[in-house]
């Protein structure tokens, strides 16, 4: 696989900091995101984030004046527990979060990133190495704008954004080539363009 267009080390932490307050304001304006941020913080997970498309798409919807839940198929919660790679343990976290939020209020996708390598080939057609942390997983997510994880720590928003937040707020879709294929990237572009046609897409 090729490398991403920008490396995490090249991102200015100052530029991220300037946008975190705005991101927090937007996410807390969204009822599903606000609820999810608060309820996940009560689960006692040692290492987790809410992230990927649900964060980026909430921001895009806010900027475009759309309903903040528009186009979001599910809300991703990722955590890391290498001591238990069972499907049952992952399902237990999912059920606990679903019960705390309330049936049907938020469509959840809860994944232990320590076990992604066990099923990745079945879904995407090729093997990947095991992730060493939840941040390691986020580093490989398909686009720079969606490689973002958020969570509450001491009632403050913590953000992990290895490529910064500029692409997210500028509505730029740029491939993170650390892991995905060109085919996967193009499929995402086609899907997102039907919902958010004003996105600026950087070709592979």
C-alpha atoms as a PDB file:
ATOM      1  CA  UNK A   1       0.000   0.000   0.000  1.00  0.00           C
ATOM      2  CA  UNK A   2       1.109   3.569  -0.625  1.00  0.00           C
ATOM      3  CA  UNK A   3       1.458   6.148   2.068  1.00  0.00           C
ATOM      4  CA  UNK A   4      -1.009   8.904   2.918  1.00  0.00           C
ATOM      5  CA  UNK A   5      -0.667  12.328   1.322  1.00  0.00           C
ATOM      6  CA  UNK A   6       0.181  13.851   4.690  1.00  0.00           C
ATOM      7  CA  UNK A   7       1.826  12.215   7.660  1.00  0.00           C
ATOM      8  CA  UNK A   8       0.588  12.646  11.223  1.00  0.00           C
ATOM      9  CA  UNK A   9       3.934  14.206  12.128  1.00  0.00           C
ATOM     10  CA  UNK A  10       3.483  16.952   9.531  1.00  0.00           C
ATOM     11  CA  UNK A  11       0.235  18.237  11.031  1.00  0.00           C
ATOM     12  CA  UNK A  12       0.444  21.352  13.165  1.00  0.00           C
ATOM     13  CA  UNK A  13      -1.067  20.718  16.570  1.00  0.00           C
ATOM     14  CA  UNK A  14      -1.709  24.462  16.763  1.00  0.00           C
ATOM     15  CA  UNK A  15      -3.960  24.311  13.706  1.00  0.00           C
ATOM     16  CA  UNK A  16      -5.865  21.397  15.241  1.00  0.00           C
ATOM     17  CA  UNK A  17      -6.339  23.300  18.480  1.00  0.00           C
ATOM     18  CA  UNK A  18      -7.899  26.253  16.696  1.00  0.00           C
ATOM     19  CA  UNK A  19     -10.692  24.052  15.370  1.00  0.00           C
ATOM     20  CA  UNK A  20     -11.370  21.816  18.380  1.00  0.00           C
ATOM     21  CA  UNK A  21     -13.651  24.344  20.089  1.00  0.00           C
ATOM     22  CA  UNK A  22     -15.690  24.700  16.908  1.00  0.00           C
ATOM     23  CA  UNK A  23     -15.883  20.929  16.528  1.00  0.00           C
ATOM     24  CA  UNK A  24     -17.075  20.550  20.116  1.00  0.00           C
ATOM     25  CA  UNK A  25     -19.791  23.153  19.588  1.00  0.00           C
ATOM     26  CA  UNK A  26     -21.048  21.404  16.456  1.00  0.00           C
ATOM     27  CA  UNK A  27     -21.028  17.917  17.979  1.00  0.00           C
ATOM     28  CA  UNK A  28     -22.936  19.054  21.067  1.00  0.00           C
ATOM     29  CA  UNK A  29     -25.520  20.723  18.823  1.00  0.00           C
ATOM     30  CA  UNK A  30     -26.292  17.245  17.437  1.00  0.00           C
ATOM     31  CA  UNK A  31     -28.555  15.306  19.800  1.00  0.00           C
ATOM     32  CA  UNK A  32     -27.264  11.858  18.713  1.00  0.00           C
ATOM     33  CA  UNK A  33     -23.618  12.914  19.019  1.00  0.00           C
ATOM     34  CA  UNK A  34     -24.164  14.672  22.339  1.00  0.00           C
ATOM     35  CA  UNK A  35     -25.929  11.627  23.760  1.00  0.00           C
ATOM     36  CA  UNK A  36     -23.292   9.255  22.438  1.00  0.00           C
ATOM     37  CA  UNK A  37     -20.415  11.334  23.803  1.00  0.00           C
ATOM     38  CA  UNK A  38     -21.952  11.407  27.248  1.00  0.00           C
ATOM     39  CA  UNK A  39     -23.013   7.759  27.382  1.00  0.00           C
ATOM     40  CA  UNK A  40     -19.757   6.292  26.042  1.00  0.00           C
ATOM     41  CA  UNK A  41     -17.856   8.218  28.717  1.00  0.00           C
ATOM     42  CA  UNK A  42     -19.759   6.220  31.344  1.00  0.00           C
ATOM     43  CA  UNK A  43     -18.883   2.768  29.979  1.00  0.00           C
ATOM     44  CA  UNK A  44     -15.492   2.509  31.645  1.00  0.00           C
ATOM     45  CA  UNK A  45     -13.669   1.721  28.400  1.00  0.00           C
ATOM     46  CA  UNK A  46      -9.954   2.341  28.797  1.00  0.00           C
ATOM     47  CA  UNK A  47      -9.217   3.228  25.190  1.00  0.00           C
ATOM     48  CA  UNK A  48     -11.970   4.320  22.803  1.00  0.00           C
ATOM     49  CA  UNK A  49     -13.247   6.983  20.402  1.00  0.00           C
ATOM     50  CA  UNK A  50     -16.387   7.914  18.498  1.00  0.00           C
ATOM     51  CA  UNK A  51     -15.255   8.557  14.984  1.00  0.00           C
ATOM     52  CA  UNK A  52     -15.093   8.174  11.227  1.00  0.00           C
ATOM     53  CA  UNK A  53     -18.003   9.214   9.036  1.00  0.00           C
ATOM     54  CA  UNK A  54     -20.399  10.230  11.796  1.00  0.00           C
ATOM     55  CA  UNK A  55     -18.065  12.994  12.986  1.00  0.00           C
ATOM     56  CA  UNK A  56     -17.219  14.336   9.539  1.00  0.00           C
ATOM     57  CA  UNK A  57     -20.774  14.120   8.258  1.00  0.00           C
ATOM     58  CA  UNK A  58     -22.171  15.918  11.310  1.00  0.00           C
ATOM     59  CA  UNK A  59     -19.778  18.788  10.547  1.00  0.00           C
ATOM     60  CA  UNK A  60     -20.656  18.789   6.831  1.00  0.00           C
ATOM     61  CA  UNK A  61     -24.368  18.871   7.666  1.00  0.00           C
ATOM     62  CA  UNK A  62     -23.851  21.774  10.050  1.00  0.00           C
ATOM     63  CA  UNK A  63     -21.916  23.743   7.456  1.00  0.00           C
ATOM     64  CA  UNK A  64     -24.539  23.089   4.774  1.00  0.00           C
ATOM     65  CA  UNK A  65     -27.520  23.888   6.993  1.00  0.00           C
ATOM     66  CA  UNK A  66     -28.856  20.332   6.860  1.00  0.00           C
ATOM     67  CA  UNK A  67     -30.342  18.230   9.623  1.00  0.00           C
ATOM     68  CA  UNK A  68     -27.287  17.165  11.620  1.00  0.00           C
ATOM     69  CA  UNK A  69     -28.218  13.486  11.290  1.00  0.00           C
ATOM     70  CA  UNK A  70     -28.748  13.653   7.520  1.00  0.00           C
ATOM     71  CA  UNK A  71     -27.003  10.896   5.556  1.00  0.00           C
ATOM     72  CA  UNK A  72     -25.357   9.259   8.572  1.00  0.00           C
ATOM     73  CA  UNK A  73     -25.886   5.513   8.307  1.00  0.00           C
ATOM     74  CA  UNK A  74     -24.450   4.717  11.728  1.00  0.00           C
ATOM     75  CA  UNK A  75     -22.333   6.083  14.560  1.00  0.00           C
ATOM     76  CA  UNK A  76     -18.996   4.333  14.966  1.00  0.00           C
ATOM     77  CA  UNK A  77     -17.588   3.589  18.400  1.00  0.00           C
ATOM     78  CA  UNK A  78     -14.131   2.022  18.333  1.00  0.00           C
ATOM     79  CA  UNK A  79     -12.201   0.715  21.302  1.00  0.00           C
ATOM     80  CA  UNK A  80      -9.129  -1.420  21.939  1.00  0.00           C
ATOM     81  CA  UNK A  81      -9.013  -4.530  24.085  1.00  0.00           C
ATOM     82  CA  UNK A  82      -6.360  -7.057  23.069  1.00  0.00           C
ATOM     83  CA  UNK A  83      -7.057  -9.247  26.106  1.00  0.00           C
ATOM     84  CA  UNK A  84     -10.421 -10.428  24.741  1.00  0.00           C
ATOM     85  CA  UNK A  85     -10.810 -10.769  20.962  1.00  0.00           C
ATOM     86  CA  UNK A  86     -14.103 -12.608  21.094  1.00  0.00           C
ATOM     87  CA  UNK A  87     -17.200 -11.535  19.199  1.00  0.00           C
ATOM     88  CA  UNK A  88     -19.139 -12.034  22.428  1.00  0.00           C
ATOM     89  CA  UNK A  89     -17.084  -9.409  24.290  1.00  0.00           C
ATOM     90  CA  UNK A  90     -17.566  -6.923  21.459  1.00  0.00           C
ATOM     91  CA  UNK A  91     -21.293  -7.587  21.418  1.00  0.00           C
ATOM     92  CA  UNK A  92     -21.428  -7.070  25.179  1.00  0.00           C
ATOM     93  CA  UNK A  93     -20.014  -3.549  24.795  1.00  0.00           C
ATOM     94  CA  UNK A  94     -22.501  -2.860  22.006  1.00  0.00           C
ATOM     95  CA  UNK A  95     -25.476  -4.042  24.094  1.00  0.00           C
ATOM     96  CA  UNK A  96     -24.375  -2.062  27.128  1.00  0.00           C
ATOM     97  CA  UNK A  97     -24.097   1.129  25.087  1.00  0.00           C
ATOM     98  CA  UNK A  98     -27.368   0.502  23.279  1.00  0.00           C
ATOM     99  CA  UNK A  99     -29.176  -0.003  26.594  1.00  0.00           C
ATOM    100  CA  UNK A 100     -27.735   3.193  28.052  1.00  0.00           C
ATOM    101  CA  UNK A 101     -28.747   5.272  25.027  1.00  0.00           C
ATOM    102  CA  UNK A 102     -32.151   3.737  24.494  1.00  0.00           C
ATOM    103  CA  UNK A 103     -33.509   1.425  21.824  1.00  0.00           C
ATOM    104  CA  UNK A 104     -33.616   2.891  18.328  1.00  0.00           C
ATOM    105  CA  UNK A 105     -32.273   6.344  19.184  1.00  0.00           C
ATOM    106  CA  UNK A 106     -28.884   5.916  17.506  1.00  0.00           C
ATOM    107  CA  UNK A 107     -27.737   3.312  14.982  1.00  0.00           C
ATOM    108  CA  UNK A 108     -24.488   2.020  16.452  1.00  0.00           C
ATOM    109  CA  UNK A 109     -21.466   0.224  15.040  1.00  0.00           C
ATOM    110  CA  UNK A 110     -19.198  -0.853  17.888  1.00  0.00           C
ATOM    111  CA  UNK A 111     -15.861  -2.488  17.022  1.00  0.00           C
ATOM    112  CA  UNK A 112     -12.885  -3.697  19.004  1.00  0.00           C
ATOM    113  CA  UNK A 113      -9.968  -2.540  16.873  1.00  0.00           C
ATOM    114  CA  UNK A 114      -7.741  -5.248  18.365  1.00  0.00           C
ATOM    115  CA  UNK A 115      -9.712  -7.867  16.407  1.00  0.00           C
ATOM    116  CA  UNK A 116     -10.257  -6.094  13.062  1.00  0.00           C
ATOM    117  CA  UNK A 117      -7.501  -8.125  11.383  1.00  0.00           C
ATOM    118  CA  UNK A 118      -9.489 -11.301  12.113  1.00  0.00           C
ATOM    119  CA  UNK A 119     -12.364 -10.328   9.790  1.00  0.00           C
ATOM    120  CA  UNK A 120     -10.907  -7.694   7.466  1.00  0.00           C
ATOM    121  CA  UNK A 121     -10.014 -10.064   4.615  1.00  0.00           C
ATOM    122  CA  UNK A 122     -13.562 -11.449   4.507  1.00  0.00           C
ATOM    123  CA  UNK A 123     -15.016  -7.966   3.956  1.00  0.00           C
ATOM    124  CA  UNK A 124     -12.307  -6.246   1.925  1.00  0.00           C
ATOM    125  CA  UNK A 125     -10.435  -9.045   0.196  1.00  0.00           C
ATOM    126  CA  UNK A 126      -6.975  -8.694   1.700  1.00  0.00           C
ATOM    127  CA  UNK A 127      -5.191  -9.157   5.006  1.00  0.00           C
ATOM    128  CA  UNK A 128      -3.984  -6.440   7.354  1.00  0.00           C
ATOM    129  CA  UNK A 129      -1.644  -6.570  10.328  1.00  0.00           C
ATOM    130  CA  UNK A 130      -3.114  -6.326  13.825  1.00  0.00           C
ATOM    131  CA  UNK A 131      -3.450  -2.796  15.157  1.00  0.00           C
ATOM    132  CA  UNK A 132      -1.361  -1.893  18.199  1.00  0.00           C
ATOM    133  CA  UNK A 133      -3.841   0.677  19.558  1.00  0.00           C
ATOM    134  CA  UNK A 134      -7.081   2.429  18.701  1.00  0.00           C
ATOM    135  CA  UNK A 135      -5.029   5.385  17.434  1.00  0.00           C
ATOM    136  CA  UNK A 136      -3.084   3.022  15.181  1.00  0.00           C
ATOM    137  CA  UNK A 137      -6.415   1.978  13.647  1.00  0.00           C
ATOM    138  CA  UNK A 138      -7.588   5.559  13.105  1.00  0.00           C
ATOM    139  CA  UNK A 139      -4.291   6.283  11.327  1.00  0.00           C
ATOM    140  CA  UNK A 140      -5.419   3.903   8.556  1.00  0.00           C
ATOM    141  CA  UNK A 141      -9.005   5.090   8.050  1.00  0.00           C
ATOM    142  CA  UNK A 142      -9.910   5.741   4.398  1.00  0.00           C
ATOM    143  CA  UNK A 143      -9.847   9.545   4.184  1.00  0.00           C
ATOM    144  CA  UNK A 144      -8.052  12.357   5.971  1.00  0.00           C
ATOM    145  CA  UNK A 145     -11.348  14.085   6.803  1.00  0.00           C
ATOM    146  CA  UNK A 146     -12.796  10.998   8.472  1.00  0.00           C
ATOM    147  CA  UNK A 147      -9.622   9.942  10.300  1.00  0.00           C
ATOM    148  CA  UNK A 148     -10.918  11.641  13.428  1.00  0.00           C
ATOM    149  CA  UNK A 149     -11.835  10.259  16.821  1.00  0.00           C
ATOM    150  CA  UNK A 150     -13.522  12.113  19.684  1.00  0.00           C
ATOM    151  CA  UNK A 151     -14.408  11.346  23.270  1.00  0.00           C
ATOM    152  CA  UNK A 152     -15.134  13.110  26.530  1.00  0.00           C
ATOM    153  CA  UNK A 153     -12.451  13.244  29.207  1.00  0.00           C
ATOM    154  CA  UNK A 154     -13.289  15.122  32.404  1.00  0.00           C
ATOM    155  CA  UNK A 155     -16.215  16.699  30.539  1.00  0.00           C
ATOM    156  CA  UNK A 156     -13.905  18.097  27.859  1.00  0.00           C
ATOM    157  CA  UNK A 157     -13.664  16.955  24.255  1.00  0.00           C
ATOM    158  CA  UNK A 158     -10.521  15.019  23.414  1.00  0.00           C
ATOM    159  CA  UNK A 159      -9.765  14.810  19.694  1.00  0.00           C
ATOM    160  CA  UNK A 160      -7.411  12.450  17.877  1.00  0.00           C
ATOM    161  CA  UNK A 161      -6.875  13.678  14.320  1.00  0.00           C
ATOM    162  CA  UNK A 162      -3.640  12.381  12.764  1.00  0.00           C
ATOM    163  CA  UNK A 163      -4.147  14.462   9.604  1.00  0.00           C
ATOM    164  CA  UNK A 164      -5.518  17.531  11.338  1.00  0.00           C
ATOM    165  CA  UNK A 165      -8.988  19.003  10.968  1.00  0.00           C
ATOM    166  CA  UNK A 166      -8.508  21.275   7.956  1.00  0.00           C
ATOM    167  CA  UNK A 167      -9.780  18.776   5.360  1.00  0.00           C
ATOM    168  CA  UNK A 168     -12.776  18.023   7.558  1.00  0.00           C
ATOM    169  CA  UNK A 169     -13.843  21.653   7.914  1.00  0.00           C
ATOM    170  CA  UNK A 170     -13.007  22.522   4.308  1.00  0.00           C
ATOM    171  CA  UNK A 171     -15.130  19.554   3.127  1.00  0.00           C
ATOM    172  CA  UNK A 172     -12.187  18.035   1.254  1.00  0.00           C
ATOM    173  CA  UNK A 173     -12.196  14.287   0.602  1.00  0.00           C
ATOM    174  CA  UNK A 174      -8.611  13.088   0.271  1.00  0.00           C
ATOM    175  CA  UNK A 175      -7.490   9.459   0.283  1.00  0.00           C
ATOM    176  CA  UNK A 176      -5.466   8.138   3.170  1.00  0.00           C
ATOM    177  CA  UNK A 177      -3.551   5.466   1.272  1.00  0.00           C
ATOM    178  CA  UNK A 178      -2.082   3.732   4.313  1.00  0.00           C
ATOM    179  CA  UNK A 179      -4.427   0.768   3.933  1.00  0.00           C
ATOM    180  CA  UNK A 180      -7.348   1.203   1.545  1.00  0.00           C
ATOM    181  CA  UNK A 181      -7.430   0.452  -2.156  1.00  0.00           C
ATOM    182  CA  UNK A 182      -8.349   2.822  -4.950  1.00  0.00           C
ATOM    183  CA  UNK A 183     -11.557   0.842  -5.472  1.00  0.00           C
ATOM    184  CA  UNK A 184     -12.658   1.337  -1.858  1.00  0.00           C
ATOM    185  CA  UNK A 185     -11.893   5.047  -2.094  1.00  0.00           C
ATOM    186  CA  UNK A 186     -13.906   5.475  -5.292  1.00  0.00           C
ATOM    187  CA  UNK A 187     -16.865   3.606  -3.797  1.00  0.00           C
ATOM    188  CA  UNK A 188     -16.902   5.999  -0.847  1.00  0.00           C
ATOM    189  CA  UNK A 189     -16.680   9.016  -3.154  1.00  0.00           C
ATOM    190  CA  UNK A 190     -19.664   7.849  -5.212  1.00  0.00           C
ATOM    191  CA  UNK A 191     -21.718   7.243  -2.072  1.00  0.00           C
ATOM    192  CA  UNK A 192     -20.873  10.547  -0.419  1.00  0.00           C
ATOM    193  CA  UNK A 193     -21.304  12.686  -3.537  1.00  0.00           C
ATOM    194  CA  UNK A 194     -24.952  11.667  -3.808  1.00  0.00           C
ATOM    195  CA  UNK A 195     -25.565  13.067  -0.307  1.00  0.00           C
ATOM    196  CA  UNK A 196     -23.069  15.945  -0.158  1.00  0.00           C
ATOM    197  CA  UNK A 197     -22.465  17.062  -3.786  1.00  0.00           C
ATOM    198  CA  UNK A 198     -20.526  20.157  -2.671  1.00  0.00           C
ATOM    199  CA  UNK A 199     -17.624  18.065  -1.344  1.00  0.00           C
ATOM    200  CA  UNK A 200     -14.260  18.742  -2.968  1.00  0.00           C
ATOM    201  CA  UNK A 201     -12.832  15.370  -3.977  1.00  0.00           C
ATOM    202  CA  UNK A 202      -9.112  14.895  -4.522  1.00  0.00           C
ATOM    203  CA  UNK A 203      -8.552  12.128  -7.103  1.00  0.00           C
ATOM    204  CA  UNK A 204      -6.646   9.042  -6.042  1.00  0.00           C
END
